[in-house]
């Protein structure tokens, strides 16, 4: 573009002309772009995939951070699925039966054991975090053997199968504190 044309486009008259052109041709340009994207959908997808791959290779730390951020956002938005996914991984690693799905798990607002409010994805090991507890650890994650309770209640319960054990511990603590 020569200096004279640049001067005209920078003038008030030139800007008004450009504005009229954009207003009259805007929808036409949008339609042309839409048709191009429709006809070349696969080509554009592949171009995006390649660009993402190249960017990830050039920015491995940023790519990992983005992945972790997206994963965290998904986990926060899907607390029940997250509980189930984590439990399935533990069951697979330890050879424990796993036979539950989203319909078998309800997310209460408060811990049914301690009565404290539950926070689906709080800080790690926070007492108010949500956990999926096996009522009888030997049976695994099966229907009727799981409950959603707080991390604190689950930690207190730990691997106890017999409720009398917990009562004996509580009685012992009462006796020790009474001294």
Foldseek 3Di string as FASTA:
>chain_A
DDPVVVVLCPDPNNVVVVVVVCVVCVVVVVVVVVVVCVVCVVVVVVVVVVVVVVVCVVPVVVVVVVVVVVVVVVCQVDLLVVQLVVLVVVCVVVVADAADDSVLADDDQAFPPPRHGARDDDPPLDQRHWHWDQLQVRNGHHRPRIYIGGSNVCVLCPNDNDVVVVVVVVVVVVVVVVD
